[in-house]
PDB file of N, CA and C in Angstrom:
ATOM      1  N   MET A   1     -10.590 -11.728   0.840  1.00  0.00           N
ATOM      2  CA  MET A   1      -9.429 -10.864   0.679  1.00  0.00           C
ATOM      3  C   MET A   1      -9.835  -9.428   1.004  1.00  0.00           C
ATOM      4  N   ARG A   2      -8.930  -8.754   1.686  1.00  0.00           N
ATOM      5  CA  ARG A   2      -9.208  -7.388   2.118  1.00  0.00           C
ATOM      6  C   ARG A   2      -8.036  -6.468   1.774  1.00  0.00           C
ATOM      7  N   THR A   3      -8.351  -5.214   1.571  1.00  0.00           N
ATOM      8  CA  THR A   3      -7.316  -4.218   1.304  1.00  0.00           C
ATOM      9  C   THR A   3      -6.706  -3.749   2.624  1.00  0.00           C
ATOM     10  N   LEU A   4      -5.582  -3.104   2.523  1.00  0.00           N
ATOM     11  CA  LEU A   4      -4.930  -2.548   3.705  1.00  0.00           C
ATOM     12  C   LEU A   4      -5.847  -1.552   4.403  1.00  0.00           C
ATOM     13  N   ASP A   5      -6.522  -0.704   3.640  1.00  0.00           N
ATOM     14  CA  ASP A   5      -7.440   0.278   4.226  1.00  0.00           C
ATOM     15  C   ASP A   5      -8.549  -0.393   5.027  1.00  0.00           C
ATOM     16  N   LEU A   6      -9.100  -1.453   4.469  1.00  0.00           N
ATOM     17  CA  LEU A   6     -10.185  -2.160   5.148  1.00  0.00           C
ATOM     18  C   LEU A   6      -9.676  -2.812   6.435  1.00  0.00           C
ATOM     19  N   LEU A   7      -8.505  -3.409   6.399  1.00  0.00           N
ATOM     20  CA  LEU A   7      -7.936  -4.010   7.599  1.00  0.00           C
ATOM     21  C   LEU A   7      -7.658  -2.969   8.673  1.00  0.00           C
ATOM     22  N   LEU A   8      -7.143  -1.820   8.261  1.00  0.00           N
ATOM     23  CA  LEU A   8      -6.913  -0.740   9.227  1.00  0.00           C
ATOM     24  C   LEU A   8      -8.220  -0.345   9.906  1.00  0.00           C
ATOM     25  N   GLU A   9      -9.273  -0.230   9.119  1.00  0.00           N
ATOM     26  CA  GLU A   9     -10.578   0.141   9.659  1.00  0.00           C
ATOM     27  C   GLU A   9     -11.117  -0.962  10.580  1.00  0.00           C
ATOM     28  N   GLU A  10     -11.038  -2.210  10.127  1.00  0.00           N
ATOM     29  CA  GLU A  10     -11.544  -3.336  10.924  1.00  0.00           C
ATOM     30  C   GLU A  10     -10.822  -3.463  12.258  1.00  0.00           C
ATOM     31  N   LYS A  11      -9.524  -3.233  12.262  1.00  0.00           N
ATOM     32  CA  LYS A  11      -8.710  -3.374  13.479  1.00  0.00           C
ATOM     33  C   LYS A  11      -8.630  -2.071  14.267  1.00  0.00           C
ATOM     34  N   ASN A  12      -9.292  -1.029  13.752  1.00  0.00           N
ATOM     35  CA  ASN A  12      -9.273   0.285  14.398  1.00  0.00           C
ATOM     36  C   ASN A  12      -7.819   0.717  14.666  1.00  0.00           C
ATOM     37  N   MET A  13      -7.015   0.634  13.607  1.00  0.00           N
ATOM     38  CA  MET A  13      -5.588   0.909  13.690  1.00  0.00           C
ATOM     39  C   MET A  13      -5.226   2.039  12.737  1.00  0.00           C
ATOM     40  N   THR A  14      -4.279   2.855  13.123  1.00  0.00           N
ATOM     41  CA  THR A  14      -3.797   3.920  12.246  1.00  0.00           C
ATOM     42  C   THR A  14      -2.535   3.436  11.529  1.00  0.00           C
ATOM     43  N   LEU A  15      -2.152   4.165  10.504  1.00  0.00           N
ATOM     44  CA  LEU A  15      -0.899   3.843   9.815  1.00  0.00           C
ATOM     45  C   LEU A  15       0.296   4.037  10.746  1.00  0.00           C
ATOM     46  N   ASP A  16       0.206   5.003  11.641  1.00  0.00           N
ATOM     47  CA  ASP A  16       1.284   5.207  12.615  1.00  0.00           C
ATOM     48  C   ASP A  16       1.454   3.969  13.499  1.00  0.00           C
ATOM     49  N   GLU A  17       0.338   3.419  13.965  1.00  0.00           N
ATOM     50  CA  GLU A  17       0.402   2.209  14.786  1.00  0.00           C
ATOM     51  C   GLU A  17       0.937   1.022  13.983  1.00  0.00           C
ATOM     52  N   LEU A  18       0.498   0.921  12.727  1.00  0.00           N
ATOM     53  CA  LEU A  18       0.985  -0.155  11.873  1.00  0.00           C
ATOM     54  C   LEU A  18       2.489  -0.017  11.645  1.00  0.00           C
ATOM     55  N   SER A  19       2.941   1.203  11.489  1.00  0.00           N
ATOM     56  CA  SER A  19       4.372   1.452  11.312  1.00  0.00           C
ATOM     57  C   SER A  19       5.156   0.996  12.540  1.00  0.00           C
ATOM     58  N   GLU A  20       4.632   1.282  13.719  1.00  0.00           N
ATOM     59  CA  GLU A  20       5.294   0.859  14.957  1.00  0.00           C
ATOM     60  C   GLU A  20       5.340  -0.669  15.061  1.00  0.00           C
ATOM     61  N   ARG A  21       4.238  -1.320  14.700  1.00  0.00           N
ATOM     62  CA  ARG A  21       4.164  -2.781  14.812  1.00  0.00           C
ATOM     63  C   ARG A  21       5.047  -3.492  13.788  1.00  0.00           C
ATOM     64  N   THR A  22       5.132  -2.934  12.595  1.00  0.00           N
ATOM     65  CA  THR A  22       5.876  -3.592  11.518  1.00  0.00           C
ATOM     66  C   THR A  22       7.318  -3.125  11.413  1.00  0.00           C
ATOM     67  N   LYS A  23       7.620  -1.993  12.025  1.00  0.00           N
ATOM     68  CA  LYS A  23       8.947  -1.359  11.907  1.00  0.00           C
ATOM     69  C   LYS A  23       9.239  -0.931  10.472  1.00  0.00           C
ATOM     70  N   LEU A  24       8.156  -0.658   9.706  1.00  0.00           N
ATOM     71  CA  LEU A  24       8.294  -0.138   8.345  1.00  0.00           C
ATOM     72  C   LEU A  24       8.096   1.370   8.376  1.00  0.00           C
ATOM     73  N   PRO A  25       8.767   2.107   7.504  1.00  0.00           N
ATOM     74  CA  PRO A  25       8.594   3.559   7.474  1.00  0.00           C
ATOM     75  C   PRO A  25       7.142   3.943   7.162  1.00  0.00           C
ATOM     76  N   LEU A  26       6.666   4.954   7.838  1.00  0.00           N
ATOM     77  CA  LEU A  26       5.307   5.438   7.631  1.00  0.00           C
ATOM     78  C   LEU A  26       5.083   5.817   6.168  1.00  0.00           C
ATOM     79  N   SER A  27       6.067   6.452   5.554  1.00  0.00           N
ATOM     80  CA  SER A  27       5.927   6.881   4.155  1.00  0.00           C
ATOM     81  C   SER A  27       5.704   5.683   3.230  1.00  0.00           C
ATOM     82  N   ARG A  28       6.359   4.561   3.515  1.00  0.00           N
ATOM     83  CA  ARG A  28       6.178   3.369   2.694  1.00  0.00           C
ATOM     84  C   ARG A  28       4.778   2.793   2.893  1.00  0.00           C
ATOM     85  N   LEU A  29       4.316   2.761   4.135  1.00  0.00           N
ATOM     86  CA  LEU A  29       2.969   2.248   4.402  1.00  0.00           C
ATOM     87  C   LEU A  29       1.903   3.135   3.756  1.00  0.00           C
ATOM     88  N   GLU A  30       2.126   4.446   3.758  1.00  0.00           N
ATOM     89  CA  GLU A  30       1.199   5.354   3.080  1.00  0.00           C
ATOM     90  C   GLU A  30       1.158   5.046   1.589  1.00  0.00           C
ATOM     91  N   ALA A  31       2.314   4.820   0.998  1.00  0.00           N
ATOM     92  CA  ALA A  31       2.380   4.510  -0.433  1.00  0.00           C
ATOM     93  C   ALA A  31       1.705   3.171  -0.732  1.00  0.00           C
ATOM     94  N   ILE A  32       1.882   2.190   0.137  1.00  0.00           N
ATOM     95  CA  ILE A  32       1.226   0.893  -0.041  1.00  0.00           C
ATOM     96  C   ILE A  32      -0.283   1.060   0.050  1.00  0.00           C
ATOM     97  N   ALA A  33      -0.742   1.804   1.048  1.00  0.00           N
ATOM     98  CA  ALA A  33      -2.182   2.018   1.229  1.00  0.00           C
ATOM     99  C   ALA A  33      -2.794   2.769   0.052  1.00  0.00           C
ATOM    100  N   ASP A  34      -2.022   3.677  -0.541  1.00  0.00           N
ATOM    101  CA  ASP A  34      -2.501   4.454  -1.695  1.00  0.00           C
ATOM    102  C   ASP A  34      -2.376   3.687  -3.004  1.00  0.00           C
ATOM    103  N   GLY A  35      -1.738   2.526  -2.971  1.00  0.00           N
ATOM    104  CA  GLY A  35      -1.556   1.732  -4.183  1.00  0.00           C
ATOM    105  C   GLY A  35      -0.417   2.219  -5.054  1.00  0.00           C
ATOM    106  N   ARG A  36       0.503   3.000  -4.483  1.00  0.00           N
ATOM    107  CA  ARG A  36       1.646   3.512  -5.237  1.00  0.00           C
ATOM    108  C   ARG A  36       2.898   2.678  -5.044  1.00  0.00           C
ATOM    109  N   TRP A  37       2.831   1.683  -4.168  1.00  0.00           N
ATOM    110  CA  TRP A  37       3.996   0.871  -3.860  1.00  0.00           C
ATOM    111  C   TRP A  37       3.526  -0.557  -3.628  1.00  0.00           C
ATOM    112  N   THR A  38       4.169  -1.497  -4.260  1.00  0.00           N
ATOM    113  CA  THR A  38       3.869  -2.906  -4.021  1.00  0.00           C
ATOM    114  C   THR A  38       4.908  -3.428  -3.039  1.00  0.00           C
ATOM    115  N   PRO A  39       4.469  -3.891  -1.878  1.00  0.00           N
ATOM    116  CA  PRO A  39       5.428  -4.315  -0.853  1.00  0.00           C
ATOM    117  C   PRO A  39       6.175  -5.594  -1.230  1.00  0.00           C
ATOM    118  N   SER A  40       7.380  -5.699  -0.720  1.00  0.00           N
ATOM    119  CA  SER A  40       8.190  -6.900  -0.929  1.00  0.00           C
ATOM    120  C   SER A  40       7.565  -8.060  -0.156  1.00  0.00           C
ATOM    121  N   PRO A  41       7.957  -9.286  -0.460  1.00  0.00           N
ATOM    122  CA  PRO A  41       7.428 -10.431   0.293  1.00  0.00           C
ATOM    123  C   PRO A  41       7.655 -10.316   1.804  1.00  0.00           C
ATOM    124  N   SER A  42       8.820  -9.832   2.210  1.00  0.00           N
ATOM    125  CA  SER A  42       9.081  -9.701   3.654  1.00  0.00           C
ATOM    126  C   SER A  42       8.217  -8.599   4.277  1.00  0.00           C
ATOM    127  N   ASP A  43       8.009  -7.501   3.543  1.00  0.00           N
ATOM    128  CA  ASP A  43       7.118  -6.440   4.039  1.00  0.00           C
ATOM    129  C   ASP A  43       5.688  -6.946   4.144  1.00  0.00           C
ATOM    130  N   ARG A  44       5.261  -7.746   3.171  1.00  0.00           N
ATOM    131  CA  ARG A  44       3.911  -8.315   3.203  1.00  0.00           C
ATOM    132  C   ARG A  44       3.725  -9.180   4.441  1.00  0.00           C
ATOM    133  N   LYS A  45       4.735  -9.971   4.755  1.00  0.00           N
ATOM    134  CA  LYS A  45       4.666 -10.846   5.931  1.00  0.00           C
ATOM    135  C   LYS A  45       4.570 -10.027   7.208  1.00  0.00           C
ATOM    136  N   ARG A  46       5.359  -8.980   7.307  1.00  0.00           N
ATOM    137  CA  ARG A  46       5.335  -8.120   8.498  1.00  0.00           C
ATOM    138  C   ARG A  46       3.981  -7.449   8.667  1.00  0.00           C
ATOM    139  N   ILE A  47       3.402  -6.990   7.562  1.00  0.00           N
ATOM    140  CA  ILE A  47       2.094  -6.340   7.616  1.00  0.00           C
ATOM    141  C   ILE A  47       1.019  -7.355   7.994  1.00  0.00           C
ATOM    142  N   ALA A  48       1.033  -8.499   7.369  1.00  0.00           N
ATOM    143  CA  ALA A  48       0.048  -9.546   7.675  1.00  0.00           C
ATOM    144  C   ALA A  48       0.147  -9.966   9.144  1.00  0.00           C
ATOM    145  N   ASP A  49       1.360 -10.126   9.630  1.00  0.00           N
ATOM    146  CA  ASP A  49       1.548 -10.501  11.042  1.00  0.00           C
ATOM    147  C   ASP A  49       0.975  -9.440  11.975  1.00  0.00           C
ATOM    148  N   ALA A  50       1.139  -8.181  11.624  1.00  0.00           N
ATOM    149  CA  ALA A  50       0.604  -7.102  12.465  1.00  0.00           C
ATOM    150  C   ALA A  50      -0.919  -7.164  12.553  1.00  0.00           C
ATOM    151  N   PHE A  51      -1.558  -7.637  11.474  1.00  0.00           N
ATOM    152  CA  PHE A  51      -3.015  -7.769  11.460  1.00  0.00           C
ATOM    153  C   PHE A  51      -3.479  -9.162  11.910  1.00  0.00           C
ATOM    154  N   GLU A  52      -2.526 -10.049  12.153  1.00  0.00           N
ATOM    155  CA  GLU A  52      -2.829 -11.429  12.557  1.00  0.00           C
ATOM    156  C   GLU A  52      -3.671 -12.148  11.505  1.00  0.00           C
ATOM    157  N   VAL A  53      -3.261 -11.984  10.241  1.00  0.00           N
ATOM    158  CA  VAL A  53      -3.898 -12.670   9.112  1.00  0.00           C
ATOM    159  C   VAL A  53      -2.798 -13.269   8.238  1.00  0.00           C
ATOM    160  N   GLU A  54      -3.205 -14.130   7.318  1.00  0.00           N
ATOM    161  CA  GLU A  54      -2.256 -14.701   6.363  1.00  0.00           C
ATOM    162  C   GLU A  54      -1.994 -13.686   5.244  1.00  0.00           C
ATOM    163  N   VAL A  55      -0.809 -13.738   4.673  1.00  0.00           N
ATOM    164  CA  VAL A  55      -0.441 -12.831   3.583  1.00  0.00           C
ATOM    165  C   VAL A  55      -1.460 -12.908   2.443  1.00  0.00           C
ATOM    166  N   GLU A  56      -1.929 -14.125   2.162  1.00  0.00           N
ATOM    167  CA  GLU A  56      -2.865 -14.350   1.058  1.00  0.00           C
ATOM    168  C   GLU A  56      -4.234 -13.709   1.293  1.00  0.00           C
ATOM    169  N   GLN A  57      -4.506 -13.256   2.509  1.00  0.00           N
ATOM    170  CA  GLN A  57      -5.799 -12.651   2.822  1.00  0.00           C
ATOM    171  C   GLN A  57      -5.824 -11.147   2.543  1.00  0.00           C
ATOM    172  N   ILE A  58      -4.700 -10.603   2.097  1.00  0.00           N
ATOM    173  CA  ILE A  58      -4.614  -9.163   1.835  1.00  0.00           C
ATOM    174  C   ILE A  58      -4.421  -8.929   0.343  1.00  0.00           C
ATOM    175  N   VAL A  59      -5.155  -7.971  -0.190  1.00  0.00           N
ATOM    176  CA  VAL A  59      -5.007  -7.563  -1.590  1.00  0.00           C
ATOM    177  C   VAL A  59      -3.851  -6.573  -1.648  1.00  0.00           C
ATOM    178  N   TRP A  60      -2.882  -6.881  -2.483  1.00  0.00           N
ATOM    179  CA  TRP A  60      -1.684  -6.037  -2.587  1.00  0.00           C
ATOM    180  C   TRP A  60      -1.660  -5.278  -3.906  1.00  0.00           C
ATOM    181  N   GLY A  61      -2.772  -4.740  -4.323  1.00  0.00           N
ATOM    182  CA  GLY A  61      -2.860  -4.060  -5.609  1.00  0.00           C
ATOM    183  C   GLY A  61      -1.942  -2.872  -5.727  1.00  0.00           C
ATOM    184  N   HIS A  62      -1.440  -2.688  -6.914  1.00  0.00           N
ATOM    185  CA  HIS A  62      -0.599  -1.536  -7.235  1.00  0.00           C
ATOM    186  C   HIS A  62      -1.373  -0.718  -8.255  1.00  0.00           C
ATOM    187  N   ASN A  63      -1.779   0.471  -7.870  1.00  0.00           N
ATOM    188  CA  ASN A  63      -2.596   1.313  -8.742  1.00  0.00           C
ATOM    189  C   ASN A  63      -1.775   2.489  -9.242  1.00  0.00           C
ATOM    190  N   LEU A  64      -1.925   2.778 -10.513  1.00  0.00           N
ATOM    191  CA  LEU A  64      -1.250   3.923 -11.087  1.00  0.00           C
ATOM    192  C   LEU A  64      -2.193   4.578 -12.075  1.00  0.00           C
ATOM    193  N   ASP A  65      -2.415   5.846 -11.899  1.00  0.00           N
ATOM    194  CA  ASP A  65      -3.297   6.595 -12.781  1.00  0.00           C
ATOM    195  C   ASP A  65      -2.737   6.565 -14.207  1.00  0.00           C
ATOM    196  N   PRO A  66      -3.551   6.145 -15.184  1.00  0.00           N
ATOM    197  CA  PRO A  66      -3.063   6.083 -16.578  1.00  0.00           C
ATOM    198  C   PRO A  66      -2.512   7.410 -17.082  1.00  0.00           C
ATOM    199  N   ARG A  67      -3.025   8.517 -16.571  1.00  0.00           N
ATOM    200  CA  ARG A  67      -2.493   9.821 -16.987  1.00  0.00           C
ATOM    201  C   ARG A  67      -1.038   9.957 -16.563  1.00  0.00           C
ATOM    202  N   ASN A  68      -0.687   9.411 -15.385  1.00  0.00           N
ATOM    203  CA  ASN A  68       0.707   9.474 -14.937  1.00  0.00           C
ATOM    204  C   ASN A  68       1.601   8.615 -15.814  1.00  0.00           C
ATOM    205  N   VAL A  69       1.103   7.480 -16.268  1.00  0.00           N
ATOM    206  CA  VAL A  69       1.877   6.618 -17.161  1.00  0.00           C
ATOM    207  C   VAL A  69       2.186   7.374 -18.440  1.00  0.00           C
ATOM    208  N   ARG A  70       1.179   8.017 -19.009  1.00  0.00           N
ATOM    209  CA  ARG A  70       1.382   8.782 -20.237  1.00  0.00           C
ATOM    210  C   ARG A  70       2.387   9.914 -20.003  1.00  0.00           C
ATOM    211  N   TYR A  71       2.252  10.615 -18.889  1.00  0.00           N
ATOM    212  CA  TYR A  71       3.162  11.710 -18.584  1.00  0.00           C
ATOM    213  C   TYR A  71       4.598  11.194 -18.471  1.00  0.00           C
ATOM    214  N   ARG A  72       4.785  10.080 -17.792  1.00  0.00           N
ATOM    215  CA  ARG A  72       6.135   9.547 -17.616  1.00  0.00           C
ATOM    216  C   ARG A  72       6.740   9.083 -18.933  1.00  0.00           C
ATOM    217  N   ARG A  73       5.900   8.615 -19.852  1.00  0.00           N
ATOM    218  CA  ARG A  73       6.405   8.147 -21.143  1.00  0.00           C
ATOM    219  C   ARG A  73       6.695   9.290 -22.103  1.00  0.00           C
ATOM    220  N   PHE A  74       5.761  10.238 -22.164  1.00  0.00           N
ATOM    221  CA  PHE A  74       5.831  11.248 -23.227  1.00  0.00           C
ATOM    222  C   PHE A  74       6.042  12.671 -22.728  1.00  0.00           C
ATOM    223  N   GLY A  75       5.967  12.898 -21.447  1.00  0.00           N
ATOM    224  CA  GLY A  75       6.062  14.249 -20.930  1.00  0.00           C
ATOM    225  C   GLY A  75       4.718  14.952 -21.036  1.00  0.00           C
ATOM    226  N   LEU A  76       4.590  16.045 -20.365  1.00  0.00           N
ATOM    227  CA  LEU A  76       3.335  16.791 -20.342  1.00  0.00           C
ATOM    228  C   LEU A  76       3.208  17.595 -21.631  1.00  0.00           C
ATOM    229  N   LYS A  77       2.121  17.363 -22.354  1.00  0.00           N
ATOM    230  CA  LYS A  77       1.860  18.077 -23.600  1.00  0.00           C
ATOM    231  C   LYS A  77       0.725  19.072 -23.356  1.00  0.00           C
ATOM    232  N   GLU A  78       0.667  20.091 -24.159  1.00  0.00           N
ATOM    233  CA  GLU A  78      -0.370  21.106 -23.988  1.00  0.00           C
ATOM    234  C   GLU A  78      -1.764  20.536 -24.162  1.00  0.00           C
ATOM    235  N   ASP A  79      -1.944  19.609 -25.089  1.00  0.00           N
ATOM    236  CA  ASP A  79      -3.281  19.069 -25.336  1.00  0.00           C
ATOM    237  C   ASP A  79      -3.579  17.831 -24.505  1.00  0.00           C
ATOM    238  N   PHE A  80      -2.763  17.579 -23.499  1.00  0.00           N
ATOM    239  CA  PHE A  80      -2.916  16.392 -22.662  1.00  0.00           C
ATOM    240  C   PHE A  80      -4.195  16.450 -21.899  1.00  0.00           C
TER     241      PHE A  80
END
């Protein structure tokens, strides 16, 4: 299993090129690569097809900084 970043590096592809191949917005692909967006099943298929791999071969992790979770729940506090 490989991350989107690793596949981009292995295929010597930019996010702009991936956007052209998948017809997905560049901003969404940036968010997916940063782990801020989990792609839908259809988006996953389009991305996998662009890399010529199976969907199951890509790690689709969604990362969120715990500090952001706390901020979204409680707001920014002075002693945060």
